[in-house]
Amino acid sequence: MKTLNVHEAKTGLSAVLADIEATGESFLVCRRGKPVAELVPHRKRSRLKPHPVMSRIRIKYDPTEPLTEDEWPEDAK
């Protein structure tokens, strides 16, 4: 991981982004020697991985099963 000060990051942002895009390397941006931000390459999330909350939802019936006569609303008959 390369280290930049705020001035270097600000004046050369386009070049830094091009370097991240080309090499995939991360940059640490520091102010007065203390880290304030990290520039990392974007990682596209997998659409096949389920959301953690959605994976806990359980349906206790078959949603494709047709309704019985008793389950239809009164005004629909």
N, C-alpha and C. Protein backbone atom coordinates (compact mmCIF):
# COMPACT_ATOMS: atom_id res chain seq x y z
N MET A 1 0.85 -1.16 0.00
CA MET A 1 0.00 0.00 0.00
C MET A 1 0.90 1.23 0.00
N LYS A 2 0.62 2.13 -0.94
CA LYS A 2 1.37 3.37 -1.03
C LYS A 2 0.74 4.43 -0.13
N THR A 3 1.58 5.37 0.33
CA THR A 3 1.11 6.45 1.20
C THR A 3 1.24 7.78 0.48
N LEU A 4 0.19 8.59 0.59
CA LEU A 4 0.17 9.94 0.00
C LEU A 4 -0.23 10.93 1.08
N ASN A 5 0.29 12.16 0.97
CA ASN A 5 -0.26 13.19 1.84
C ASN A 5 -1.46 13.81 1.12
N VAL A 6 -2.24 14.59 1.84
CA VAL A 6 -3.48 15.15 1.29
C VAL A 6 -3.20 15.98 0.04
N HIS A 7 -2.15 16.79 0.06
CA HIS A 7 -1.83 17.64 -1.09
C HIS A 7 -1.53 16.79 -2.33
N GLU A 8 -0.74 15.72 -2.18
CA GLU A 8 -0.43 14.84 -3.32
C GLU A 8 -1.69 14.17 -3.85
N ALA A 9 -2.56 13.74 -2.94
CA ALA A 9 -3.79 13.08 -3.36
C ALA A 9 -4.71 14.04 -4.09
N LYS A 10 -4.77 15.29 -3.60
CA LYS A 10 -5.66 16.28 -4.20
C LYS A 10 -5.17 16.71 -5.59
N THR A 11 -3.89 16.98 -5.71
CA THR A 11 -3.38 17.48 -6.99
C THR A 11 -3.24 16.38 -8.03
N GLY A 12 -3.05 15.15 -7.60
CA GLY A 12 -2.86 14.06 -8.56
C GLY A 12 -3.93 13.00 -8.50
N LEU A 13 -5.16 13.39 -8.16
CA LEU A 13 -6.23 12.41 -7.99
C LEU A 13 -6.47 11.58 -9.25
N SER A 14 -6.48 12.21 -10.41
CA SER A 14 -6.71 11.46 -11.65
C SER A 14 -5.63 10.42 -11.87
N ALA A 15 -4.40 10.79 -11.61
CA ALA A 15 -3.29 9.84 -11.78
C ALA A 15 -3.36 8.72 -10.74
N VAL A 16 -3.75 9.06 -9.52
CA VAL A 16 -3.88 8.05 -8.47
C VAL A 16 -4.98 7.06 -8.84
N LEU A 17 -6.12 7.56 -9.31
CA LEU A 17 -7.22 6.68 -9.71
C LEU A 17 -6.83 5.80 -10.89
N ALA A 18 -6.09 6.36 -11.84
CA ALA A 18 -5.62 5.55 -12.97
C ALA A 18 -4.68 4.45 -12.50
N ASP A 19 -3.83 4.76 -11.52
CA ASP A 19 -2.91 3.78 -10.98
C ASP A 19 -3.67 2.67 -10.24
N ILE A 20 -4.68 3.05 -9.47
CA ILE A 20 -5.51 2.07 -8.78
C ILE A 20 -6.21 1.16 -9.79
N GLU A 21 -6.73 1.76 -10.85
CA GLU A 21 -7.43 1.00 -11.88
C GLU A 21 -6.49 0.04 -12.60
N ALA A 22 -5.28 0.50 -12.88
CA ALA A 22 -4.32 -0.33 -13.63
C ALA A 22 -3.71 -1.44 -12.79
N THR A 23 -3.33 -1.12 -11.55
CA THR A 23 -2.58 -2.09 -10.74
C THR A 23 -3.43 -2.76 -9.67
N GLY A 24 -4.52 -2.14 -9.26
CA GLY A 24 -5.33 -2.69 -8.18
C GLY A 24 -4.75 -2.45 -6.81
N GLU A 25 -3.73 -1.60 -6.71
CA GLU A 25 -3.07 -1.31 -5.45
C GLU A 25 -3.86 -0.26 -4.66
N SER A 26 -3.79 -0.33 -3.34
CA SER A 26 -4.47 0.62 -2.46
C SER A 26 -3.53 1.77 -2.09
N PHE A 27 -4.14 2.91 -1.75
CA PHE A 27 -3.39 4.09 -1.31
C PHE A 27 -3.91 4.54 0.04
N LEU A 28 -3.02 4.94 0.91
CA LEU A 28 -3.37 5.49 2.21
C LEU A 28 -3.11 6.99 2.16
N VAL A 29 -4.14 7.79 2.43
CA VAL A 29 -4.02 9.24 2.41
C VAL A 29 -3.83 9.70 3.85
N CYS A 30 -2.76 10.47 4.09
CA CYS A 30 -2.43 10.93 5.44
C CYS A 30 -2.44 12.45 5.52
N ARG A 31 -2.81 12.96 6.69
CA ARG A 31 -2.73 14.38 6.99
C ARG A 31 -1.80 14.51 8.20
N ARG A 32 -0.72 15.25 8.00
CA ARG A 32 0.31 15.43 9.04
C ARG A 32 0.81 14.09 9.58
N GLY A 33 0.95 13.12 8.67
CA GLY A 33 1.49 11.82 9.04
C GLY A 33 0.50 10.84 9.63
N LYS A 34 -0.76 11.27 9.82
CA LYS A 34 -1.77 10.39 10.40
C LYS A 34 -2.76 9.97 9.31
N PRO A 35 -3.07 8.68 9.21
CA PRO A 35 -4.00 8.20 8.18
C PRO A 35 -5.40 8.80 8.36
N VAL A 36 -5.98 9.24 7.25
CA VAL A 36 -7.35 9.78 7.28
C VAL A 36 -8.27 9.04 6.31
N ALA A 37 -7.72 8.43 5.27
CA ALA A 37 -8.56 7.74 4.29
C ALA A 37 -7.75 6.68 3.57
N GLU A 38 -8.47 5.72 3.02
CA GLU A 38 -7.84 4.68 2.23
C GLU A 38 -8.56 4.60 0.88
N LEU A 39 -7.80 4.68 -0.19
CA LEU A 39 -8.36 4.54 -1.53
C LEU A 39 -8.09 3.11 -1.99
N VAL A 40 -9.14 2.36 -2.23
CA VAL A 40 -9.01 0.96 -2.61
C VAL A 40 -9.77 0.72 -3.91
N PRO A 41 -9.38 -0.28 -4.68
CA PRO A 41 -10.11 -0.57 -5.91
C PRO A 41 -11.53 -1.05 -5.61
N HIS A 42 -12.45 -0.69 -6.47
CA HIS A 42 -13.84 -1.10 -6.32
C HIS A 42 -13.96 -2.59 -6.59
N ARG A 43 -14.71 -3.28 -5.74
CA ARG A 43 -14.96 -4.71 -5.94
C ARG A 43 -16.46 -4.88 -6.12
N LYS A 44 -16.84 -5.37 -7.28
CA LYS A 44 -18.26 -5.57 -7.58
C LYS A 44 -18.79 -6.73 -6.76
N ARG A 45 -19.92 -6.53 -6.11
CA ARG A 45 -20.53 -7.57 -5.30
C ARG A 45 -21.21 -8.60 -6.17
N SER A 46 -21.21 -9.82 -5.70
CA SER A 46 -21.88 -10.90 -6.41
C SER A 46 -23.39 -10.78 -6.20
N ARG A 47 -24.13 -10.88 -7.27
CA ARG A 47 -25.59 -10.84 -7.16
C ARG A 47 -26.14 -12.19 -6.73
N LEU A 48 -25.31 -13.22 -6.75
CA LEU A 48 -25.77 -14.55 -6.39
C LEU A 48 -25.70 -14.80 -4.88
N LYS A 49 -24.93 -13.99 -4.16
CA LYS A 49 -24.81 -14.15 -2.72
C LYS A 49 -26.03 -13.52 -2.06
N PRO A 50 -26.79 -14.28 -1.26
CA PRO A 50 -28.00 -13.72 -0.66
C PRO A 50 -27.68 -12.71 0.43
N HIS A 51 -28.58 -11.78 0.61
CA HIS A 51 -28.47 -10.80 1.67
C HIS A 51 -28.60 -11.53 3.01
N PRO A 52 -27.81 -11.18 4.04
CA PRO A 52 -27.86 -11.93 5.29
C PRO A 52 -29.23 -11.94 5.96
N VAL A 53 -29.98 -10.86 5.87
CA VAL A 53 -31.31 -10.83 6.49
C VAL A 53 -32.29 -11.65 5.66
N MET A 54 -32.21 -11.53 4.34
CA MET A 54 -33.14 -12.26 3.47
C MET A 54 -32.96 -13.77 3.60
N SER A 55 -31.75 -14.22 3.90
CA SER A 55 -31.52 -15.66 4.01
C SER A 55 -32.15 -16.24 5.27
N ARG A 56 -32.53 -15.39 6.24
CA ARG A 56 -33.16 -15.88 7.47
C ARG A 56 -34.68 -15.94 7.36
N ILE A 57 -35.27 -15.40 6.30
CA ILE A 57 -36.72 -15.41 6.14
C ILE A 57 -37.16 -16.80 5.71
N ARG A 58 -38.15 -17.31 6.41
CA ARG A 58 -38.69 -18.63 6.09
C ARG A 58 -40.18 -18.49 5.79
N ILE A 59 -40.63 -19.06 4.69
CA ILE A 59 -42.04 -19.07 4.32
C ILE A 59 -42.56 -20.47 4.62
N LYS A 60 -43.63 -20.55 5.43
CA LYS A 60 -44.13 -21.84 5.87
C LYS A 60 -45.30 -22.34 5.01
N TYR A 61 -45.41 -21.84 3.79
CA TYR A 61 -46.44 -22.31 2.89
C TYR A 61 -45.91 -22.22 1.46
N ASP A 62 -46.63 -22.81 0.55
CA ASP A 62 -46.24 -22.76 -0.86
C ASP A 62 -46.92 -21.55 -1.49
N PRO A 63 -46.15 -20.49 -1.83
CA PRO A 63 -46.78 -19.28 -2.38
C PRO A 63 -47.38 -19.48 -3.77
N THR A 64 -47.07 -20.58 -4.43
CA THR A 64 -47.63 -20.82 -5.77
C THR A 64 -48.91 -21.65 -5.71
N GLU A 65 -49.25 -22.14 -4.53
CA GLU A 65 -50.46 -22.96 -4.37
C GLU A 65 -51.70 -22.08 -4.50
N PRO A 66 -52.70 -22.51 -5.25
CA PRO A 66 -53.91 -21.69 -5.40
C PRO A 66 -54.70 -21.62 -4.09
N LEU A 67 -55.45 -20.53 -3.93
CA LEU A 67 -56.26 -20.35 -2.73
C LEU A 67 -57.47 -21.28 -2.75
N THR A 68 -57.90 -21.72 -1.57
CA THR A 68 -59.13 -22.51 -1.46
C THR A 68 -60.32 -21.56 -1.44
N GLU A 69 -61.52 -22.09 -1.49
CA GLU A 69 -62.73 -21.27 -1.46
C GLU A 69 -62.82 -20.46 -0.18
N ASP A 70 -62.39 -21.05 0.94
CA ASP A 70 -62.46 -20.36 2.23
C ASP A 70 -61.47 -19.20 2.34
N GLU A 71 -60.40 -19.22 1.57
CA GLU A 71 -59.37 -18.21 1.67
C GLU A 71 -59.63 -16.97 0.79
N TRP A 72 -60.58 -17.07 -0.13
CA TRP A 72 -60.90 -15.92 -0.99
C TRP A 72 -61.58 -14.85 -0.16
N PRO A 73 -61.31 -13.57 -0.44
CA PRO A 73 -62.01 -12.49 0.28
C PRO A 73 -63.51 -12.53 -0.04
N GLU A 74 -64.33 -12.02 0.88
CA GLU A 74 -65.78 -12.04 0.73
C GLU A 74 -66.25 -11.27 -0.50
N ASP A 75 -65.65 -10.10 -0.79
CA ASP A 75 -66.11 -9.28 -1.91
C ASP A 75 -65.68 -9.83 -3.26
N ALA A 76 -64.80 -10.83 -3.31
CA ALA A 76 -64.31 -11.37 -4.58
C ALA A 76 -65.20 -12.50 -5.08
N LYS A 77 -66.12 -12.98 -4.27
CA LYS A 77 -66.96 -14.12 -4.68
C LYS A 77 -68.08 -13.72 -5.58
